[in-house]
Amino acid sequence: MTEQPPRILLADDQTLVRTGFRMILGADGIDVVAEATNGAEAVEAVRRTRPDVVLMDVRMPEMDGLEATRRILTGAPDQPRVIILTTFDLDRYVYAALSAGASGFLLKDVTPEHLTAAVRTVRTGDALLAPAITRRLVQRFTQRGSDTAALHRDLASLTPRELEVLSLLARGLSNAELATRLHLAEATVKTHVARILAKLGLRDRVQAVIVAYETGLVSVGSGEAAQQSTEQT
């Protein structure tokens, strides 16, 4: 049975952006089920249309994309995946949105191929960001007393091996690199990552990286030697 294409909600206050993205997605067989011009409309449209993925602009009138993301991903069953749209690389709002549960971010000048691939990636449950890219975000914006939507998690539920996996994951290692470092099968590493996410109540490894820094398991600068990777869970 062929998998159905993801159903998309576009939330952006710029008509040209929505039109362009809708044309790109439609050309790849991806259906845009609703559009929104602000965060409040996006929250209502998610409840009404139940999309698989939301493409969410950060800066919109009435309610911004960050608050809309929080409301969409808090408490509701069958939550969609949220991809944050921004014109600025490493925007402070992007980090806060990831903390709130977004599955990644895209710059608005993304290529058509990258846009459609990103939508399909998060629809399957993967995070859009490579761990090393997330680590750059965390290192830039995780500061004591900063105004961020911190994820507070108790790491006591993790086994010593799971803590080790989380620590290395936060330094930017891919599953294959984790397997090599720990002398484990890659399937075993994936099992450890899945258990970490389940125990900590996290959506994906993007949030796992954030938690590792915000709980002090990994400190800023400790992962500089880690190789950048694009492999996802």
C-alpha atoms as a PDB file:
ATOM      1  CA  MET A   1       0.000   0.000   0.000  1.00  0.00           C
ATOM      2  CA  THR A   2       1.396   3.387  -1.033  1.00  0.00           C
ATOM      3  CA  GLU A   3       1.827   5.849   1.832  1.00  0.00           C
ATOM      4  CA  GLN A   4      -0.414   8.877   1.567  1.00  0.00           C
ATOM      5  CA  PRO A   5       1.398  12.199   1.055  1.00  0.00           C
ATOM      6  CA  PRO A   6       1.574  14.466   4.118  1.00  0.00           C
ATOM      7  CA  ARG A   7      -1.190  17.025   4.676  1.00  0.00           C
ATOM      8  CA  ILE A   8       0.234  20.517   5.237  1.00  0.00           C
ATOM      9  CA  LEU A   9      -0.851  23.719   6.965  1.00  0.00           C
ATOM     10  CA  LEU A  10       0.953  26.879   5.814  1.00  0.00           C
ATOM     11  CA  ALA A  11       1.124  29.678   8.396  1.00  0.00           C
ATOM     12  CA  ASP A  12       2.746  32.887   7.127  1.00  0.00           C
ATOM     13  CA  ASP A  13       1.509  36.470   6.911  1.00  0.00           C
ATOM     14  CA  GLN A  14       3.070  36.961   3.466  1.00  0.00           C
ATOM     15  CA  THR A  15       0.807  35.900   0.618  1.00  0.00           C
ATOM     16  CA  LEU A  16       3.701  35.423  -1.800  1.00  0.00           C
ATOM     17  CA  VAL A  17       5.478  33.062   0.583  1.00  0.00           C
ATOM     18  CA  ARG A  18       2.367  30.939   1.039  1.00  0.00           C
ATOM     19  CA  THR A  19       1.684  30.909  -2.687  1.00  0.00           C
ATOM     20  CA  GLY A  20       5.231  29.899  -3.546  1.00  0.00           C
ATOM     21  CA  PHE A  21       5.368  27.134  -0.962  1.00  0.00           C
ATOM     22  CA  ARG A  22       1.924  25.830  -1.985  1.00  0.00           C
ATOM     23  CA  MET A  23       3.040  25.604  -5.631  1.00  0.00           C
ATOM     24  CA  ILE A  24       6.280  23.807  -4.704  1.00  0.00           C
ATOM     25  CA  LEU A  25       4.517  21.319  -2.446  1.00  0.00           C
ATOM     26  CA  GLY A  26       1.686  20.747  -4.912  1.00  0.00           C
ATOM     27  CA  ALA A  27       4.150  19.993  -7.714  1.00  0.00           C
ATOM     28  CA  ASP A  28       5.491  17.161  -5.542  1.00  0.00           C
ATOM     29  CA  GLY A  29       2.043  15.780  -4.801  1.00  0.00           C
ATOM     30  CA  ILE A  30       1.850  17.235  -1.269  1.00  0.00           C
ATOM     31  CA  ASP A  31      -1.545  18.653  -0.320  1.00  0.00           C
ATOM     32  CA  VAL A  32      -1.872  22.015   1.471  1.00  0.00           C
ATOM     33  CA  VAL A  33      -5.108  21.570   3.441  1.00  0.00           C
ATOM     34  CA  ALA A  34      -5.203  25.036   5.023  1.00  0.00           C
ATOM     35  CA  GLU A  35      -3.451  28.399   5.223  1.00  0.00           C
ATOM     36  CA  ALA A  36      -3.158  30.913   8.062  1.00  0.00           C
ATOM     37  CA  THR A  37      -1.969  34.526   8.193  1.00  0.00           C
ATOM     38  CA  ASN A  38      -1.234  34.603  11.923  1.00  0.00           C
ATOM     39  CA  GLY A  39      -0.680  32.290  14.870  1.00  0.00           C
ATOM     40  CA  ALA A  40      -4.262  32.400  16.111  1.00  0.00           C
ATOM     41  CA  GLU A  41      -5.539  31.311  12.704  1.00  0.00           C
ATOM     42  CA  ALA A  42      -2.923  28.536  12.657  1.00  0.00           C
ATOM     43  CA  VAL A  43      -4.056  27.139  16.013  1.00  0.00           C
ATOM     44  CA  GLU A  44      -7.692  27.121  14.869  1.00  0.00           C
ATOM     45  CA  ALA A  45      -6.825  25.608  11.484  1.00  0.00           C
ATOM     46  CA  VAL A  46      -4.883  22.770  13.115  1.00  0.00           C
ATOM     47  CA  ARG A  47      -7.910  21.880  15.233  1.00  0.00           C
ATOM     48  CA  ARG A  48     -10.175  22.039  12.203  1.00  0.00           C
ATOM     49  CA  THR A  49      -8.093  20.260   9.544  1.00  0.00           C
ATOM     50  CA  ARG A  50      -5.728  17.968  11.521  1.00  0.00           C
ATOM     51  CA  PRO A  51      -2.662  18.399   9.264  1.00  0.00           C
ATOM     52  CA  ASP A  52       0.372  16.131   9.481  1.00  0.00           C
ATOM     53  CA  VAL A  53       2.885  18.990   9.264  1.00  0.00           C
ATOM     54  CA  VAL A  54       2.678  22.730   9.968  1.00  0.00           C
ATOM     55  CA  LEU A  55       5.045  25.138   8.225  1.00  0.00           C
ATOM     56  CA  MET A  56       5.065  27.972  10.778  1.00  0.00           C
ATOM     57  CA  ASP A  57       6.468  31.469  10.293  1.00  0.00           C
ATOM     58  CA  VAL A  58       8.033  32.935  13.442  1.00  0.00           C
ATOM     59  CA  ARG A  59       7.037  36.570  13.077  1.00  0.00           C
ATOM     60  CA  MET A  60       3.320  37.088  12.441  1.00  0.00           C
ATOM     61  CA  PRO A  61       0.744  39.597  13.718  1.00  0.00           C
ATOM     62  CA  GLU A  62      -1.750  38.958  16.560  1.00  0.00           C
ATOM     63  CA  MET A  63      -0.007  35.762  17.696  1.00  0.00           C
ATOM     64  CA  ASP A  64       3.538  34.851  16.676  1.00  0.00           C
ATOM     65  CA  GLY A  65       4.652  31.433  15.533  1.00  0.00           C
ATOM     66  CA  LEU A  66       6.320  30.612  18.837  1.00  0.00           C
ATOM     67  CA  GLU A  67       3.145  30.984  20.893  1.00  0.00           C
ATOM     68  CA  ALA A  68       1.140  29.190  18.212  1.00  0.00           C
ATOM     69  CA  THR A  69       3.615  26.287  18.299  1.00  0.00           C
ATOM     70  CA  ARG A  70       3.309  26.024  22.075  1.00  0.00           C
ATOM     71  CA  ARG A  71      -0.485  25.940  21.898  1.00  0.00           C
ATOM     72  CA  ILE A  72      -0.572  23.416  19.065  1.00  0.00           C
ATOM     73  CA  LEU A  73       1.876  21.029  20.725  1.00  0.00           C
ATOM     74  CA  THR A  74       0.508  21.237  24.274  1.00  0.00           C
ATOM     75  CA  GLY A  75      -1.923  18.582  25.363  1.00  0.00           C
ATOM     76  CA  ALA A  76      -3.701  17.835  22.105  1.00  0.00           C
ATOM     77  CA  PRO A  77      -3.798  14.233  20.833  1.00  0.00           C
ATOM     78  CA  ASP A  78      -2.353  13.396  17.416  1.00  0.00           C
ATOM     79  CA  GLN A  79      -0.220  16.517  17.371  1.00  0.00           C
ATOM     80  CA  PRO A  80       1.191  17.560  13.995  1.00  0.00           C
ATOM     81  CA  ARG A  81       4.877  18.105  13.421  1.00  0.00           C
ATOM     82  CA  VAL A  82       5.892  21.768  13.280  1.00  0.00           C
ATOM     83  CA  ILE A  83       8.647  23.170  11.079  1.00  0.00           C
ATOM     84  CA  ILE A  84       9.605  26.759  11.886  1.00  0.00           C
ATOM     85  CA  LEU A  85      10.148  29.156   8.970  1.00  0.00           C
ATOM     86  CA  THR A  86      12.571  32.031   9.438  1.00  0.00           C
ATOM     87  CA  THR A  87      14.602  34.474   7.355  1.00  0.00           C
ATOM     88  CA  PHE A  88      17.484  34.418   9.833  1.00  0.00           C
ATOM     89  CA  ASP A  89      19.840  31.519  10.482  1.00  0.00           C
ATOM     90  CA  LEU A  90      20.086  30.678  14.204  1.00  0.00           C
ATOM     91  CA  ASP A  91      17.299  33.085  15.110  1.00  0.00           C
ATOM     92  CA  ARG A  92      16.725  33.241  18.889  1.00  0.00           C
ATOM     93  CA  TYR A  93      13.069  32.410  18.310  1.00  0.00           C
ATOM     94  CA  VAL A  94      14.041  29.210  16.535  1.00  0.00           C
ATOM     95  CA  TYR A  95      15.735  27.873  19.671  1.00  0.00           C
ATOM     96  CA  ALA A  96      12.690  28.714  21.775  1.00  0.00           C
ATOM     97  CA  ALA A  97      10.414  27.024  19.231  1.00  0.00           C
ATOM     98  CA  LEU A  98      12.542  23.875  19.273  1.00  0.00           C
ATOM     99  CA  SER A  99      12.305  23.871  23.055  1.00  0.00           C
ATOM    100  CA  ALA A 100       8.527  24.157  22.716  1.00  0.00           C
ATOM    101  CA  GLY A 101       8.434  21.018  20.585  1.00  0.00           C
ATOM    102  CA  ALA A 102       9.031  22.047  16.975  1.00  0.00           C
ATOM    103  CA  SER A 103      10.754  19.380  14.895  1.00  0.00           C
ATOM    104  CA  GLY A 104      13.164  21.678  13.093  1.00  0.00           C
ATOM    105  CA  PHE A 105      13.502  24.854  11.088  1.00  0.00           C
ATOM    106  CA  LEU A 106      13.931  26.017   7.518  1.00  0.00           C
ATOM    107  CA  LEU A 107      15.128  29.279   6.061  1.00  0.00           C
ATOM    108  CA  LYS A 108      12.580  30.849   3.732  1.00  0.00           C
ATOM    109  CA  ASP A 109      15.010  30.720   0.812  1.00  0.00           C
ATOM    110  CA  VAL A 110      15.052  26.916   1.023  1.00  0.00           C
ATOM    111  CA  THR A 111      15.281  25.082  -2.298  1.00  0.00           C
ATOM    112  CA  PRO A 112      12.162  23.291  -3.556  1.00  0.00           C
ATOM    113  CA  GLU A 113      13.884  19.919  -3.171  1.00  0.00           C
ATOM    114  CA  HIS A 114      14.890  20.635   0.418  1.00  0.00           C
ATOM    115  CA  LEU A 115      11.410  21.892   1.308  1.00  0.00           C
ATOM    116  CA  THR A 116       9.608  18.781   0.110  1.00  0.00           C
ATOM    117  CA  ALA A 117      12.238  16.480   1.606  1.00  0.00           C
ATOM    118  CA  ALA A 118      11.958  18.282   4.955  1.00  0.00           C
ATOM    119  CA  VAL A 119       8.184  17.896   5.057  1.00  0.00           C
ATOM    120  CA  ARG A 120       8.417  14.192   4.323  1.00  0.00           C
ATOM    121  CA  THR A 121      11.211  13.746   6.866  1.00  0.00           C
ATOM    122  CA  VAL A 122       9.342  15.203   9.838  1.00  0.00           C
ATOM    123  CA  ARG A 123       6.107  13.487   8.821  1.00  0.00           C
ATOM    124  CA  THR A 124       7.806  10.118   9.422  1.00  0.00           C
ATOM    125  CA  GLY A 125       8.734  11.166  12.963  1.00  0.00           C
ATOM    126  CA  ASP A 126      12.349  12.204  12.407  1.00  0.00           C
ATOM    127  CA  ALA A 127      13.777  15.537  13.506  1.00  0.00           C
ATOM    128  CA  LEU A 128      14.751  17.880  10.702  1.00  0.00           C
ATOM    129  CA  LEU A 129      17.965  19.130  12.299  1.00  0.00           C
ATOM    130  CA  ALA A 130      21.176  17.184  12.517  1.00  0.00           C
ATOM    131  CA  PRO A 131      22.350  16.938  16.134  1.00  0.00           C
ATOM    132  CA  ALA A 132      25.439  19.053  15.449  1.00  0.00           C
ATOM    133  CA  ILE A 133      23.315  21.879  14.022  1.00  0.00           C
ATOM    134  CA  THR A 134      21.068  21.751  17.055  1.00  0.00           C
ATOM    135  CA  ARG A 135      24.169  21.896  19.237  1.00  0.00           C
ATOM    136  CA  ARG A 136      25.146  25.195  17.569  1.00  0.00           C
ATOM    137  CA  LEU A 137      21.733  26.604  18.453  1.00  0.00           C
ATOM    138  CA  VAL A 138      22.021  25.439  22.047  1.00  0.00           C
ATOM    139  CA  GLN A 139      25.549  26.754  22.469  1.00  0.00           C
ATOM    140  CA  ARG A 140      24.505  30.157  21.190  1.00  0.00           C
ATOM    141  CA  PHE A 141      21.322  30.606  23.181  1.00  0.00           C
ATOM    142  CA  THR A 142      21.468  28.456  26.316  1.00  0.00           C
ATOM    143  CA  GLN A 143      22.562  30.941  28.965  1.00  0.00           C
ATOM    144  CA  ARG A 144      21.675  31.072  32.632  1.00  0.00           C
ATOM    145  CA  GLY A 145      18.807  33.479  33.133  1.00  0.00           C
ATOM    146  CA  SER A 146      18.041  33.763  29.436  1.00  0.00           C
ATOM    147  CA  ASP A 147      14.429  34.060  28.350  1.00  0.00           C
ATOM    148  CA  THR A 148      13.941  30.678  26.696  1.00  0.00           C
ATOM    149  CA  ALA A 149      11.281  28.004  26.854  1.00  0.00           C
ATOM    150  CA  ALA A 150      13.478  25.604  28.795  1.00  0.00           C
ATOM    151  CA  LEU A 151      12.667  21.929  28.909  1.00  0.00           C
ATOM    152  CA  HIS A 152      12.978  20.675  32.457  1.00  0.00           C
ATOM    153  CA  ARG A 153      13.567  16.956  32.683  1.00  0.00           C
ATOM    154  CA  ASP A 154      14.835  14.648  35.426  1.00  0.00           C
ATOM    155  CA  LEU A 155      17.608  12.463  34.037  1.00  0.00           C
ATOM    156  CA  ALA A 156      17.460  10.087  37.025  1.00  0.00           C
ATOM    157  CA  SER A 157      15.227   7.723  35.063  1.00  0.00           C
ATOM    158  CA  LEU A 158      18.025   7.011  32.576  1.00  0.00           C
ATOM    159  CA  THR A 159      20.458   4.129  32.942  1.00  0.00           C
ATOM    160  CA  PRO A 160      24.223   4.828  32.892  1.00  0.00           C
ATOM    161  CA  ARG A 161      24.362   3.598  29.293  1.00  0.00           C
ATOM    162  CA  GLU A 162      21.449   5.838  28.277  1.00  0.00           C
ATOM    163  CA  LEU A 163      23.129   8.829  29.904  1.00  0.00           C
ATOM    164  CA  GLU A 164      26.267   8.022  27.914  1.00  0.00           C
ATOM    165  CA  VAL A 165      24.278   7.795  24.683  1.00  0.00           C
ATOM    166  CA  LEU A 166      22.497  11.081  25.410  1.00  0.00           C
ATOM    167  CA  SER A 167      25.768  12.820  26.171  1.00  0.00           C
ATOM    168  CA  LEU A 168      27.347  11.703  22.901  1.00  0.00           C
ATOM    169  CA  LEU A 169      24.179  12.426  20.928  1.00  0.00           C
ATOM    170  CA  ALA A 170      24.233  15.983  22.268  1.00  0.00           C
ATOM    171  CA  ARG A 171      27.809  16.381  21.033  1.00  0.00           C
ATOM    172  CA  GLY A 172      26.599  15.787  17.480  1.00  0.00           C
ATOM    173  CA  LEU A 173      27.338  12.108  16.884  1.00  0.00           C
ATOM    174  CA  SER A 174      25.094  10.242  14.462  1.00  0.00           C
ATOM    175  CA  ASN A 175      23.702   6.781  15.155  1.00  0.00           C
ATOM    176  CA  ALA A 176      26.503   5.207  13.128  1.00  0.00           C
ATOM    177  CA  GLU A 177      29.142   7.208  15.002  1.00  0.00           C
ATOM    178  CA  LEU A 178      27.550   6.315  18.332  1.00  0.00           C
ATOM    179  CA  ALA A 179      27.635   2.636  17.385  1.00  0.00           C
ATOM    180  CA  THR A 180      31.328   2.845  16.530  1.00  0.00           C
ATOM    181  CA  ARG A 181      32.236   4.789  19.675  1.00  0.00           C
ATOM    182  CA  LEU A 182      30.301   2.469  22.005  1.00  0.00           C
ATOM    183  CA  HIS A 183      31.052  -0.786  20.144  1.00  0.00           C
ATOM    184  CA  LEU A 184      27.353  -1.471  19.662  1.00  0.00           C
ATOM    185  CA  ALA A 185      25.152  -2.438  16.729  1.00  0.00           C
ATOM    186  CA  GLU A 186      23.435   0.538  15.149  1.00  0.00           C
ATOM    187  CA  ALA A 187      20.057  -1.074  15.858  1.00  0.00           C
ATOM    188  CA  THR A 188      20.985  -1.181  19.546  1.00  0.00           C
ATOM    189  CA  VAL A 189      21.853   2.514  19.472  1.00  0.00           C
ATOM    190  CA  LYS A 190      18.467   3.299  17.923  1.00  0.00           C
ATOM    191  CA  THR A 191      16.804   1.336  20.719  1.00  0.00           C
ATOM    192  CA  HIS A 192      18.713   3.348  23.343  1.00  0.00           C
ATOM    193  CA  VAL A 193      17.726   6.633  21.674  1.00  0.00           C
ATOM    194  CA  ALA A 194      14.079   5.567  21.503  1.00  0.00           C
ATOM    195  CA  ARG A 195      14.097   4.661  25.201  1.00  0.00           C
ATOM    196  CA  ILE A 196      15.682   7.995  26.127  1.00  0.00           C
ATOM    197  CA  LEU A 197      12.989   9.878  24.243  1.00  0.00           C
ATOM    198  CA  ALA A 198      10.229   7.793  25.824  1.00  0.00           C
ATOM    199  CA  LYS A 199      11.549   8.114  29.383  1.00  0.00           C
ATOM    200  CA  LEU A 200      12.024  11.875  29.116  1.00  0.00           C
ATOM    201  CA  GLY A 201       8.776  12.492  27.246  1.00  0.00           C
ATOM    202  CA  LEU A 202      10.521  14.016  24.230  1.00  0.00           C
ATOM    203  CA  ARG A 203       9.333  14.138  20.638  1.00  0.00           C
ATOM    204  CA  ASP A 204      12.683  13.696  18.900  1.00  0.00           C
ATOM    205  CA  ARG A 205      16.455  13.949  19.241  1.00  0.00           C
ATOM    206  CA  VAL A 206      16.394  17.720  18.715  1.00  0.00           C
ATOM    207  CA  GLN A 207      14.724  18.094  22.089  1.00  0.00           C
ATOM    208  CA  ALA A 208      17.082  15.479  23.540  1.00  0.00           C
ATOM    209  CA  VAL A 209      20.073  17.630  22.623  1.00  0.00           C
ATOM    210  CA  ILE A 210      18.447  20.675  24.224  1.00  0.00           C
ATOM    211  CA  VAL A 211      17.700  18.743  27.415  1.00  0.00           C
ATOM    212  CA  ALA A 212      21.288  17.492  27.628  1.00  0.00           C
ATOM    213  CA  TYR A 213      22.556  21.074  27.699  1.00  0.00           C
ATOM    214  CA  GLU A 214      19.834  22.573  29.861  1.00  0.00           C
ATOM    215  CA  THR A 215      20.247  19.915  32.550  1.00  0.00           C
ATOM    216  CA  GLY A 216      24.031  20.310  32.566  1.00  0.00           C
ATOM    217  CA  LEU A 217      24.751  16.796  31.299  1.00  0.00           C
ATOM    218  CA  VAL A 218      26.750  18.444  28.514  1.00  0.00           C
ATOM    219  CA  SER A 219      28.288  21.896  28.820  1.00  0.00           C
ATOM    220  CA  VAL A 220      28.748  24.535  26.160  1.00  0.00           C
ATOM    221  CA  GLY A 221      31.994  23.926  24.305  1.00  0.00           C
ATOM    222  CA  SER A 222      32.354  20.302  25.392  1.00  0.00           C
ATOM    223  CA  GLY A 223      31.358  18.925  22.018  1.00  0.00           C
ATOM    224  CA  GLU A 224      33.462  21.054  19.701  1.00  0.00           C
ATOM    225  CA  ALA A 225      35.463  18.086  18.450  1.00  0.00           C
ATOM    226  CA  ALA A 226      32.386  16.142  17.453  1.00  0.00           C
ATOM    227  CA  GLN A 227      31.843  15.654  13.760  1.00  0.00           C
ATOM    228  CA  GLN A 228      28.841  17.303  12.173  1.00  0.00           C
ATOM    229  CA  SER A 229      26.318  14.803  10.882  1.00  0.00           C
ATOM    230  CA  THR A 230      23.039  14.769   8.992  1.00  0.00           C
ATOM    231  CA  GLU A 231      21.890  11.310  10.029  1.00  0.00           C
ATOM    232  CA  GLN A 232      18.610  11.201  11.928  1.00  0.00           C
ATOM    233  CA  THR A 233      17.055   8.708  14.307  1.00  0.00           C
END
